[in-house]
Amino acid sequence: MLKDMTPDQKKLADFMSDISERCYYAGWYKNLEYVLWGAINSGQRTYGHGTISDNDISTLKTLADKSNSWIIFSDDSEETALDLNAWTNKFHADINKDANLLQG
């Protein structure tokens, strides 16, 4: 939950949410964490009615590295920070099961 995050994790969560708002007018659009991580790995892309830019990707990388975390969303706990190692493992396992997570 947001209240349990460090200030650096909160900055990352807020930035991710800002991209979602800009591209979908939604605070946390479906599978945002997968789409943004996919963009970090593959580059700039169209998302909703906007674009995840190279500048967005650079900022995401910086914030993730600084906080050593990535933010996921669940209905139970809302925004939750995972350490980067746990997130990377989850990302690969989940994408192997359903590559459509990268579409948003």
PDB file of N, CA and C in Angstrom:
ATOM      1  N   MET A   1       0.846  -1.183   0.000  1.00  0.00           N
ATOM      2  CA  MET A   1       0.000   0.000   0.000  1.00  0.00           C
ATOM      3  C   MET A   1       0.889   1.243   0.000  1.00  0.00           C
ATOM      4  N   LEU A   2       0.344   2.301  -0.532  1.00  0.00           N
ATOM      5  CA  LEU A   2       1.104   3.554  -0.613  1.00  0.00           C
ATOM      6  C   LEU A   2       1.637   4.001   0.738  1.00  0.00           C
ATOM      7  N   LYS A   3       0.845   3.816   1.774  1.00  0.00           N
ATOM      8  CA  LYS A   3       1.258   4.286   3.096  1.00  0.00           C
ATOM      9  C   LYS A   3       2.452   3.507   3.643  1.00  0.00           C
ATOM     10  N   ASP A   4       2.714   2.321   3.102  1.00  0.00           N
ATOM     11  CA  ASP A   4       3.818   1.492   3.565  1.00  0.00           C
ATOM     12  C   ASP A   4       5.102   1.691   2.757  1.00  0.00           C
ATOM     13  N   MET A   5       5.069   2.556   1.762  1.00  0.00           N
ATOM     14  CA  MET A   5       6.214   2.739   0.872  1.00  0.00           C
ATOM     15  C   MET A   5       7.202   3.767   1.416  1.00  0.00           C
ATOM     16  N   THR A   6       8.447   3.575   1.000  1.00  0.00           N
ATOM     17  CA  THR A   6       9.467   4.581   1.270  1.00  0.00           C
ATOM     18  C   THR A   6       9.190   5.776   0.352  1.00  0.00           C
ATOM     19  N   PRO A   7       9.786   6.929   0.629  1.00  0.00           N
ATOM     20  CA  PRO A   7       9.598   8.077  -0.263  1.00  0.00           C
ATOM     21  C   PRO A   7      10.015   7.783  -1.713  1.00  0.00           C
ATOM     22  N   ASP A   8      11.098   7.038  -1.911  1.00  0.00           N
ATOM     23  CA  ASP A   8      11.530   6.712  -3.272  1.00  0.00           C
ATOM     24  C   ASP A   8      10.545   5.768  -3.965  1.00  0.00           C
ATOM     25  N   GLN A   9      10.016   4.810  -3.244  1.00  0.00           N
ATOM     26  CA  GLN A   9       9.007   3.921  -3.815  1.00  0.00           C
ATOM     27  C   GLN A   9       7.741   4.698  -4.172  1.00  0.00           C
ATOM     28  N   LYS A  10       7.364   5.636  -3.346  1.00  0.00           N
ATOM     29  CA  LYS A  10       6.187   6.473  -3.603  1.00  0.00           C
ATOM     30  C   LYS A  10       6.384   7.301  -4.870  1.00  0.00           C
ATOM     31  N   LYS A  11       7.581   7.845  -5.070  1.00  0.00           N
ATOM     32  CA  LYS A  11       7.865   8.601  -6.295  1.00  0.00           C
ATOM     33  C   LYS A  11       7.689   7.717  -7.520  1.00  0.00           C
ATOM     34  N   LEU A  12       8.173   6.481  -7.437  1.00  0.00           N
ATOM     35  CA  LEU A  12       8.013   5.542  -8.548  1.00  0.00           C
ATOM     36  C   LEU A  12       6.536   5.248  -8.787  1.00  0.00           C
ATOM     37  N   ALA A  13       5.795   4.956  -7.729  1.00  0.00           N
ATOM     38  CA  ALA A  13       4.358   4.673  -7.864  1.00  0.00           C
ATOM     39  C   ALA A  13       3.625   5.861  -8.477  1.00  0.00           C
ATOM     40  N   ASP A  14       3.951   7.054  -8.026  1.00  0.00           N
ATOM     41  CA  ASP A  14       3.300   8.250  -8.552  1.00  0.00           C
ATOM     42  C   ASP A  14       3.621   8.454 -10.026  1.00  0.00           C
ATOM     43  N   PHE A  15       4.871   8.227 -10.413  1.00  0.00           N
ATOM     44  CA  PHE A  15       5.251   8.406 -11.811  1.00  0.00           C
ATOM     45  C   PHE A  15       4.559   7.380 -12.700  1.00  0.00           C
ATOM     46  N   MET A  16       4.496   6.141 -12.249  1.00  0.00           N
ATOM     47  CA  MET A  16       3.796   5.106 -13.006  1.00  0.00           C
ATOM     48  C   MET A  16       2.326   5.481 -13.173  1.00  0.00           C
ATOM     49  N   SER A  17       1.710   5.950 -12.113  1.00  0.00           N
ATOM     50  CA  SER A  17       0.313   6.377 -12.156  1.00  0.00           C
ATOM     51  C   SER A  17       0.127   7.573 -13.085  1.00  0.00           C
ATOM     52  N   ASP A  18       1.085   8.496 -13.089  1.00  0.00           N
ATOM     53  CA  ASP A  18       1.011   9.644 -13.991  1.00  0.00           C
ATOM     54  C   ASP A  18       0.993   9.206 -15.450  1.00  0.00           C
ATOM     55  N   ILE A  19       1.799   8.216 -15.804  1.00  0.00           N
ATOM     56  CA  ILE A  19       1.797   7.696 -17.181  1.00  0.00           C
ATOM     57  C   ILE A  19       0.438   7.088 -17.497  1.00  0.00           C
ATOM     58  N   SER A  20      -0.117   6.331 -16.567  1.00  0.00           N
ATOM     59  CA  SER A  20      -1.436   5.733 -16.757  1.00  0.00           C
ATOM     60  C   SER A  20      -2.498   6.803 -16.969  1.00  0.00           C
ATOM     61  N   GLU A  21      -2.456   7.842 -16.165  1.00  0.00           N
ATOM     62  CA  GLU A  21      -3.414   8.954 -16.304  1.00  0.00           C
ATOM     63  C   GLU A  21      -3.269   9.641 -17.652  1.00  0.00           C
ATOM     64  N   ARG A  22      -2.032   9.875 -18.049  1.00  0.00           N
ATOM     65  CA  ARG A  22      -1.776  10.569 -19.306  1.00  0.00           C
ATOM     66  C   ARG A  22      -2.251   9.753 -20.510  1.00  0.00           C
ATOM     67  N   CYS A  23      -2.073   8.455 -20.459  1.00  0.00           N
ATOM     68  CA  CYS A  23      -2.362   7.600 -21.619  1.00  0.00           C
ATOM     69  C   CYS A  23      -3.759   6.990 -21.605  1.00  0.00           C
ATOM     70  N   TYR A  24      -4.363   6.838 -20.440  1.00  0.00           N
ATOM     71  CA  TYR A  24      -5.670   6.168 -20.332  1.00  0.00           C
ATOM     72  C   TYR A  24      -6.675   6.896 -19.446  1.00  0.00           C
ATOM     73  N   TYR A  25      -6.316   8.034 -18.875  1.00  0.00           N
ATOM     74  CA  TYR A  25      -7.189   8.733 -17.926  1.00  0.00           C
ATOM     75  C   TYR A  25      -7.611   7.817 -16.782  1.00  0.00           C
ATOM     76  N   ALA A  26      -6.700   6.959 -16.365  1.00  0.00           N
ATOM     77  CA  ALA A  26      -6.964   6.017 -15.275  1.00  0.00           C
ATOM     78  C   ALA A  26      -5.762   6.019 -14.348  1.00  0.00           C
ATOM     79  N   GLY A  27      -6.009   6.029 -13.059  1.00  0.00           N
ATOM     80  CA  GLY A  27      -4.925   6.072 -12.085  1.00  0.00           C
ATOM     81  C   GLY A  27      -3.977   4.893 -12.163  1.00  0.00           C
ATOM     82  N   TRP A  28      -4.493   3.728 -12.517  1.00  0.00           N
ATOM     83  CA  TRP A  28      -3.647   2.540 -12.671  1.00  0.00           C
ATOM     84  C   TRP A  28      -4.349   1.624 -13.658  1.00  0.00           C
ATOM     85  N   TYR A  29      -4.047   1.805 -14.944  1.00  0.00           N
ATOM     86  CA  TYR A  29      -4.710   1.014 -15.966  1.00  0.00           C
ATOM     87  C   TYR A  29      -4.231  -0.431 -15.909  1.00  0.00           C
ATOM     88  N   LYS A  30      -5.095  -1.320 -16.329  1.00  0.00           N
ATOM     89  CA  LYS A  30      -4.869  -2.768 -16.304  1.00  0.00           C
ATOM     90  C   LYS A  30      -3.452  -3.145 -16.762  1.00  0.00           C
ATOM     91  N   ASN A  31      -2.753  -3.895 -15.929  1.00  0.00           N
ATOM     92  CA  ASN A  31      -1.427  -4.450 -16.215  1.00  0.00           C
ATOM     93  C   ASN A  31      -0.350  -3.388 -16.449  1.00  0.00           C
ATOM     94  N   LEU A  32      -0.536  -2.204 -15.885  1.00  0.00           N
ATOM     95  CA  LEU A  32       0.416  -1.110 -16.064  1.00  0.00           C
ATOM     96  C   LEU A  32       1.844  -1.531 -15.738  1.00  0.00           C
ATOM     97  N   GLU A  33       2.013  -2.262 -14.649  1.00  0.00           N
ATOM     98  CA  GLU A  33       3.358  -2.640 -14.228  1.00  0.00           C
ATOM     99  C   GLU A  33       4.068  -3.483 -15.277  1.00  0.00           C
ATOM    100  N   TYR A  34       3.319  -4.342 -15.986  1.00  0.00           N
ATOM    101  CA  TYR A  34       3.898  -5.185 -17.032  1.00  0.00           C
ATOM    102  C   TYR A  34       4.216  -4.359 -18.276  1.00  0.00           C
ATOM    103  N   VAL A  35       3.301  -3.498 -18.652  1.00  0.00           N
ATOM    104  CA  VAL A  35       3.490  -2.658 -19.838  1.00  0.00           C
ATOM    105  C   VAL A  35       4.711  -1.760 -19.666  1.00  0.00           C
ATOM    106  N   LEU A  36       4.829  -1.117 -18.512  1.00  0.00           N
ATOM    107  CA  LEU A  36       5.950  -0.212 -18.298  1.00  0.00           C
ATOM    108  C   LEU A  36       7.276  -0.963 -18.213  1.00  0.00           C
ATOM    109  N   TRP A  37       7.283  -2.120 -17.566  1.00  0.00           N
ATOM    110  CA  TRP A  37       8.520  -2.906 -17.504  1.00  0.00           C
ATOM    111  C   TRP A  37       8.877  -3.411 -18.902  1.00  0.00           C
ATOM    112  N   GLY A  38       7.870  -3.785 -19.661  1.00  0.00           N
ATOM    113  CA  GLY A  38       8.117  -4.187 -21.046  1.00  0.00           C
ATOM    114  C   GLY A  38       8.737  -3.063 -21.853  1.00  0.00           C
ATOM    115  N   ALA A  39       8.266  -1.838 -21.643  1.00  0.00           N
ATOM    116  CA  ALA A  39       8.829  -0.680 -22.339  1.00  0.00           C
ATOM    117  C   ALA A  39      10.278  -0.443 -21.914  1.00  0.00           C
ATOM    118  N   ILE A  40      10.575  -0.641 -20.647  1.00  0.00           N
ATOM    119  CA  ILE A  40      11.961  -0.504 -20.187  1.00  0.00           C
ATOM    120  C   ILE A  40      12.860  -1.463 -20.961  1.00  0.00           C
ATOM    121  N   ASN A  41      12.349  -2.661 -21.229  1.00  0.00           N
ATOM    122  CA  ASN A  41      13.147  -3.684 -21.897  1.00  0.00           C
ATOM    123  C   ASN A  41      13.140  -3.588 -23.419  1.00  0.00           C
ATOM    124  N   SER A  42      12.098  -2.960 -23.996  1.00  0.00           N
ATOM    125  CA  SER A  42      12.009  -2.957 -25.458  1.00  0.00           C
ATOM    126  C   SER A  42      11.967  -1.572 -26.085  1.00  0.00           C
ATOM    127  N   GLY A  43      11.801  -0.531 -25.295  1.00  0.00           N
ATOM    128  CA  GLY A  43      11.845   0.822 -25.829  1.00  0.00           C
ATOM    129  C   GLY A  43      10.493   1.499 -25.929  1.00  0.00           C
ATOM    130  N   GLN A  44      10.538   2.701 -26.435  1.00  0.00           N
ATOM    131  CA  GLN A  44       9.361   3.562 -26.568  1.00  0.00           C
ATOM    132  C   GLN A  44       8.229   2.814 -27.270  1.00  0.00           C
ATOM    133  N   ARG A  45       6.988   3.095 -26.846  1.00  0.00           N
ATOM    134  CA  ARG A  45       5.834   2.442 -27.459  1.00  0.00           C
ATOM    135  C   ARG A  45       4.579   3.276 -27.271  1.00  0.00           C
ATOM    136  N   THR A  46       3.617   3.016 -28.123  1.00  0.00           N
ATOM    137  CA  THR A  46       2.300   3.616 -27.980  1.00  0.00           C
ATOM    138  C   THR A  46       1.587   2.918 -26.841  1.00  0.00           C
ATOM    139  N   TYR A  47       0.843   3.706 -26.071  1.00  0.00           N
ATOM    140  CA  TYR A  47       0.092   3.152 -24.947  1.00  0.00           C
ATOM    141  C   TYR A  47      -1.177   3.963 -24.823  1.00  0.00           C
ATOM    142  N   GLY A  48      -2.330   3.317 -25.034  1.00  0.00           N
ATOM    143  CA  GLY A  48      -3.598   4.035 -25.007  1.00  0.00           C
ATOM    144  C   GLY A  48      -3.579   5.127 -26.055  1.00  0.00           C
ATOM    145  N   HIS A  49      -3.915   6.335 -25.663  1.00  0.00           N
ATOM    146  CA  HIS A  49      -3.896   7.451 -26.605  1.00  0.00           C
ATOM    147  C   HIS A  49      -2.631   8.300 -26.445  1.00  0.00           C
ATOM    148  N   GLY A  50      -1.608   7.715 -25.825  1.00  0.00           N
ATOM    149  CA  GLY A  50      -0.351   8.420 -25.619  1.00  0.00           C
ATOM    150  C   GLY A  50       0.827   7.543 -25.987  1.00  0.00           C
ATOM    151  N   THR A  51       1.975   7.942 -25.495  1.00  0.00           N
ATOM    152  CA  THR A  51       3.218   7.224 -25.767  1.00  0.00           C
ATOM    153  C   THR A  51       4.018   7.102 -24.478  1.00  0.00           C
ATOM    154  N   ILE A  52       4.616   5.960 -24.289  1.00  0.00           N
ATOM    155  CA  ILE A  52       5.625   5.798 -23.244  1.00  0.00           C
ATOM    156  C   ILE A  52       6.928   6.192 -23.926  1.00  0.00           C
ATOM    157  N   SER A  53       7.436   7.351 -23.572  1.00  0.00           N
ATOM    158  CA  SER A  53       8.575   7.947 -24.266  1.00  0.00           C
ATOM    159  C   SER A  53       9.907   7.442 -23.725  1.00  0.00           C
ATOM    160  N   ASP A  54      10.956   7.754 -24.471  1.00  0.00           N
ATOM    161  CA  ASP A  54      12.303   7.426 -23.990  1.00  0.00           C
ATOM    162  C   ASP A  54      12.592   8.152 -22.679  1.00  0.00           C
ATOM    163  N   ASN A  55      12.090   9.366 -22.535  1.00  0.00           N
ATOM    164  CA  ASN A  55      12.260  10.110 -21.282  1.00  0.00           C
ATOM    165  C   ASN A  55      11.534   9.404 -20.135  1.00  0.00           C
ATOM    166  N   ASP A  56      10.304   8.921 -20.394  1.00  0.00           N
ATOM    167  CA  ASP A  56       9.572   8.153 -19.380  1.00  0.00           C
ATOM    168  C   ASP A  56      10.372   6.924 -18.959  1.00  0.00           C
ATOM    169  N   ILE A  57      10.916   6.223 -19.942  1.00  0.00           N
ATOM    170  CA  ILE A  57      11.672   4.998 -19.670  1.00  0.00           C
ATOM    171  C   ILE A  57      12.908   5.301 -18.832  1.00  0.00           C
ATOM    172  N   SER A  58      13.601   6.360 -19.180  1.00  0.00           N
ATOM    173  CA  SER A  58      14.784   6.758 -18.407  1.00  0.00           C
ATOM    174  C   SER A  58      14.411   7.086 -16.962  1.00  0.00           C
ATOM    175  N   THR A  59      13.313   7.812 -16.789  1.00  0.00           N
ATOM    176  CA  THR A  59      12.868   8.162 -15.435  1.00  0.00           C
ATOM    177  C   THR A  59      12.442   6.922 -14.665  1.00  0.00           C
ATOM    178  N   LEU A  60      11.720   6.020 -15.315  1.00  0.00           N
ATOM    179  CA  LEU A  60      11.312   4.776 -14.660  1.00  0.00           C
ATOM    180  C   LEU A  60      12.530   3.981 -14.188  1.00  0.00           C
ATOM    181  N   LYS A  61      13.531   3.857 -15.055  1.00  0.00           N
ATOM    182  CA  LYS A  61      14.749   3.123 -14.683  1.00  0.00           C
ATOM    183  C   LYS A  61      15.423   3.773 -13.480  1.00  0.00           C
ATOM    184  N   THR A  62      15.557   5.083 -13.533  1.00  0.00           N
ATOM    185  CA  THR A  62      16.210   5.804 -12.436  1.00  0.00           C
ATOM    186  C   THR A  62      15.471   5.599 -11.124  1.00  0.00           C
ATOM    187  N   LEU A  63      14.144   5.761 -11.155  1.00  0.00           N
ATOM    188  CA  LEU A  63      13.346   5.610  -9.931  1.00  0.00           C
ATOM    189  C   LEU A  63      13.366   4.174  -9.421  1.00  0.00           C
ATOM    190  N   ALA A  64      13.303   3.208 -10.339  1.00  0.00           N
ATOM    191  CA  ALA A  64      13.345   1.801  -9.927  1.00  0.00           C
ATOM    192  C   ALA A  64      14.697   1.460  -9.303  1.00  0.00           C
ATOM    193  N   ASP A  65      15.765   1.923  -9.936  1.00  0.00           N
ATOM    194  CA  ASP A  65      17.101   1.650  -9.393  1.00  0.00           C
ATOM    195  C   ASP A  65      17.300   2.319  -8.037  1.00  0.00           C
ATOM    196  N   LYS A  66      16.850   3.565  -7.931  1.00  0.00           N
ATOM    197  CA  LYS A  66      17.031   4.303  -6.678  1.00  0.00           C
ATOM    198  C   LYS A  66      16.268   3.650  -5.524  1.00  0.00           C
ATOM    199  N   SER A  67      15.082   3.131  -5.823  1.00  0.00           N
ATOM    200  CA  SER A  67      14.267   2.507  -4.775  1.00  0.00           C
ATOM    201  C   SER A  67      14.486   1.000  -4.675  1.00  0.00           C
ATOM    202  N   ASN A  68      15.246   0.436  -5.634  1.00  0.00           N
ATOM    203  CA  ASN A  68      15.429  -1.013  -5.746  1.00  0.00           C
ATOM    204  C   ASN A  68      14.086  -1.733  -5.689  1.00  0.00           C
ATOM    205  N   SER A  69      13.110  -1.178  -6.415  1.00  0.00           N
ATOM    206  CA  SER A  69      11.773  -1.777  -6.380  1.00  0.00           C
ATOM    207  C   SER A  69      11.016  -1.495  -7.665  1.00  0.00           C
ATOM    208  N   TRP A  70       9.909  -2.202  -7.788  1.00  0.00           N
ATOM    209  CA  TRP A  70       8.929  -1.980  -8.840  1.00  0.00           C
ATOM    210  C   TRP A  70       7.570  -2.052  -8.170  1.00  0.00           C
ATOM    211  N   ILE A  71       6.616  -1.311  -8.702  1.00  0.00           N
ATOM    212  CA  ILE A  71       5.304  -1.233  -8.071  1.00  0.00           C
ATOM    213  C   ILE A  71       4.321  -2.093  -8.844  1.00  0.00           C
ATOM    214  N   ILE A  72       3.588  -2.911  -8.114  1.00  0.00           N
ATOM    215  CA  ILE A  72       2.527  -3.726  -8.699  1.00  0.00           C
ATOM    216  C   ILE A  72       1.207  -3.295  -8.074  1.00  0.00           C
ATOM    217  N   PHE A  73       0.120  -3.717  -8.695  1.00  0.00           N
ATOM    218  CA  PHE A  73      -1.202  -3.383  -8.169  1.00  0.00           C
ATOM    219  C   PHE A  73      -2.012  -4.658  -8.012  1.00  0.00           C
ATOM    220  N   SER A  74      -2.686  -4.771  -6.882  1.00  0.00           N
ATOM    221  CA  SER A  74      -3.649  -5.858  -6.685  1.00  0.00           C
ATOM    222  C   SER A  74      -4.888  -5.260  -6.032  1.00  0.00           C
ATOM    223  N   ASP A  75      -6.018  -5.895  -6.250  1.00  0.00           N
ATOM    224  CA  ASP A  75      -7.258  -5.403  -5.658  1.00  0.00           C
ATOM    225  C   ASP A  75      -7.199  -5.416  -4.133  1.00  0.00           C
ATOM    226  N   ASP A  76      -6.446  -6.354  -3.568  1.00  0.00           N
ATOM    227  CA  ASP A  76      -6.367  -6.477  -2.111  1.00  0.00           C
ATOM    228  C   ASP A  76      -5.473  -5.419  -1.471  1.00  0.00           C
ATOM    229  N   SER A  77      -4.283  -5.239  -2.017  1.00  0.00           N
ATOM    230  CA  SER A  77      -3.322  -4.342  -1.377  1.00  0.00           C
ATOM    231  C   SER A  77      -3.059  -3.053  -2.148  1.00  0.00           C
ATOM    232  N   GLU A  78      -3.716  -2.887  -3.282  1.00  0.00           N
ATOM    233  CA  GLU A  78      -3.526  -1.727  -4.159  1.00  0.00           C
ATOM    234  C   GLU A  78      -2.060  -1.643  -4.573  1.00  0.00           C
ATOM    235  N   GLU A  79      -1.466  -0.434  -4.614  1.00  0.00           N
ATOM    236  CA  GLU A  79      -0.072  -0.305  -5.018  1.00  0.00           C
ATOM    237  C   GLU A  79       0.832  -0.910  -3.953  1.00  0.00           C
ATOM    238  N   THR A  80       1.723  -1.797  -4.404  1.00  0.00           N
ATOM    239  CA  THR A  80       2.618  -2.502  -3.504  1.00  0.00           C
ATOM    240  C   THR A  80       4.006  -2.549  -4.124  1.00  0.00           C
ATOM    241  N   ALA A  81       5.028  -2.281  -3.340  1.00  0.00           N
ATOM    242  CA  ALA A  81       6.403  -2.319  -3.822  1.00  0.00           C
ATOM    243  C   ALA A  81       6.983  -3.721  -3.658  1.00  0.00           C
ATOM    244  N   LEU A  82       7.614  -4.203  -4.735  1.00  0.00           N
ATOM    245  CA  LEU A  82       8.381  -5.447  -4.692  1.00  0.00           C
ATOM    246  C   LEU A  82       9.828  -5.094  -4.967  1.00  0.00           C
ATOM    247  N   ASP A  83      10.762  -5.800  -4.310  1.00  0.00           N
ATOM    248  CA  ASP A  83      12.157  -5.544  -4.650  1.00  0.00           C
ATOM    249  C   ASP A  83      12.385  -6.010  -6.085  1.00  0.00           C
ATOM    250  N   LEU A  84      13.374  -5.420  -6.751  1.00  0.00           N
ATOM    251  CA  LEU A  84      13.574  -5.670  -8.175  1.00  0.00           C
ATOM    252  C   LEU A  84      13.815  -7.131  -8.510  1.00  0.00           C
ATOM    253  N   ASN A  85      14.508  -7.845  -7.646  1.00  0.00           N
ATOM    254  CA  ASN A  85      14.751  -9.265  -7.899  1.00  0.00           C
ATOM    255  C   ASN A  85      13.439 -10.053  -7.897  1.00  0.00           C
ATOM    256  N   ALA A  86      12.611  -9.816  -6.895  1.00  0.00           N
ATOM    257  CA  ALA A  86      11.311 -10.501  -6.822  1.00  0.00           C
ATOM    258  C   ALA A  86      10.435 -10.111  -8.016  1.00  0.00           C
ATOM    259  N   TRP A  87      10.446  -8.825  -8.378  1.00  0.00           N
ATOM    260  CA  TRP A  87       9.644  -8.381  -9.508  1.00  0.00           C
ATOM    261  C   TRP A  87      10.116  -9.031 -10.815  1.00  0.00           C
ATOM    262  N   THR A  88      11.416  -9.064 -11.035  1.00  0.00           N
ATOM    263  CA  THR A  88      11.936  -9.658 -12.270  1.00  0.00           C
ATOM    264  C   THR A  88      11.512 -11.116 -12.389  1.00  0.00           C
ATOM    265  N   ASN A  89      11.595 -11.852 -11.304  1.00  0.00           N
ATOM    266  CA  ASN A  89      11.160 -13.251 -11.318  1.00  0.00           C
ATOM    267  C   ASN A  89       9.663 -13.356 -11.593  1.00  0.00           C
ATOM    268  N   LYS A  90       8.868 -12.517 -10.945  1.00  0.00           N
ATOM    269  CA  LYS A  90       7.414 -12.524 -11.157  1.00  0.00           C
ATOM    270  C   LYS A  90       7.082 -12.147 -12.595  1.00  0.00           C
ATOM    271  N   PHE A  91       7.729 -11.106 -13.106  1.00  0.00           N
ATOM    272  CA  PHE A  91       7.480 -10.661 -14.471  1.00  0.00           C
ATOM    273  C   PHE A  91       7.699 -11.797 -15.461  1.00  0.00           C
ATOM    274  N   HIS A  92       8.861 -12.444 -15.392  1.00  0.00           N
ATOM    275  CA  HIS A  92       9.165 -13.514 -16.347  1.00  0.00           C
ATOM    276  C   HIS A  92       8.203 -14.687 -16.206  1.00  0.00           C
ATOM    277  N   ALA A  93       7.877 -15.077 -14.992  1.00  0.00           N
ATOM    278  CA  ALA A  93       6.937 -16.183 -14.785  1.00  0.00           C
ATOM    279  C   ALA A  93       5.554 -15.831 -15.333  1.00  0.00           C
ATOM    280  N   ASP A  94       5.089 -14.622 -15.046  1.00  0.00           N
ATOM    281  CA  ASP A  94       3.756 -14.217 -15.491  1.00  0.00           C
ATOM    282  C   ASP A  94       3.681 -14.053 -17.001  1.00  0.00           C
ATOM    283  N   ILE A  95       4.716 -13.482 -17.620  1.00  0.00           N
ATOM    284  CA  ILE A  95       4.736 -13.292 -19.075  1.00  0.00           C
ATOM    285  C   ILE A  95       4.817 -14.634 -19.788  1.00  0.00           C
ATOM    286  N   ASN A  96       5.536 -15.577 -19.211  1.00  0.00           N
ATOM    287  CA  ASN A  96       5.582 -16.920 -19.809  1.00  0.00           C
ATOM    288  C   ASN A  96       4.211 -17.573 -19.813  1.00  0.00           C
ATOM    289  N   LYS A  97       3.379 -17.264 -18.830  1.00  0.00           N
ATOM    290  CA  LYS A  97       2.021 -17.804 -18.770  1.00  0.00           C
ATOM    291  C   LYS A  97       1.063 -17.044 -19.670  1.00  0.00           C
ATOM    292  N   ASP A  98       1.255 -15.710 -19.787  1.00  0.00           N
ATOM    293  CA  ASP A  98       0.313 -14.865 -20.546  1.00  0.00           C
ATOM    294  C   ASP A  98       1.028 -13.640 -21.102  1.00  0.00           C
ATOM    295  N   ALA A  99       1.505 -13.762 -22.333  1.00  0.00           N
ATOM    296  CA  ALA A  99       2.223 -12.651 -22.973  1.00  0.00           C
ATOM    297  C   ALA A  99       1.335 -11.438 -23.218  1.00  0.00           C
ATOM    298  N   ASN A 100       0.028 -11.622 -23.179  1.00  0.00           N
ATOM    299  CA  ASN A 100      -0.890 -10.504 -23.388  1.00  0.00           C
ATOM    300  C   ASN A 100      -0.824  -9.465 -22.263  1.00  0.00           C
ATOM    301  N   LEU A 101      -0.203  -9.809 -21.147  1.00  0.00           N
ATOM    302  CA  LEU A 101      -0.024  -8.838 -20.059  1.00  0.00           C
ATOM    303  C   LEU A 101       0.747  -7.607 -20.541  1.00  0.00           C
ATOM    304  N   LEU A 102       1.553  -7.781 -21.560  1.00  0.00           N
ATOM    305  CA  LEU A 102       2.353  -6.673 -22.089  1.00  0.00           C
ATOM    306  C   LEU A 102       1.531  -5.705 -22.925  1.00  0.00           C
ATOM    307  N   GLN A 103       0.298  -6.060 -23.256  1.00  0.00           N
ATOM    308  CA  GLN A 103      -0.550  -5.199 -24.078  1.00  0.00           C
ATOM    309  C   GLN A 103      -1.324  -4.178 -23.262  1.00  0.00           C
ATOM    310  N   GLY A 104      -1.513  -4.445 -21.985  1.00  0.00           N
ATOM    311  CA  GLY A 104      -2.253  -3.524 -21.149  1.00  0.00           C
ATOM    312  C   GLY A 104      -3.737  -3.768 -21.216  1.00  0.00           C
TER     313      GLY A 104
END
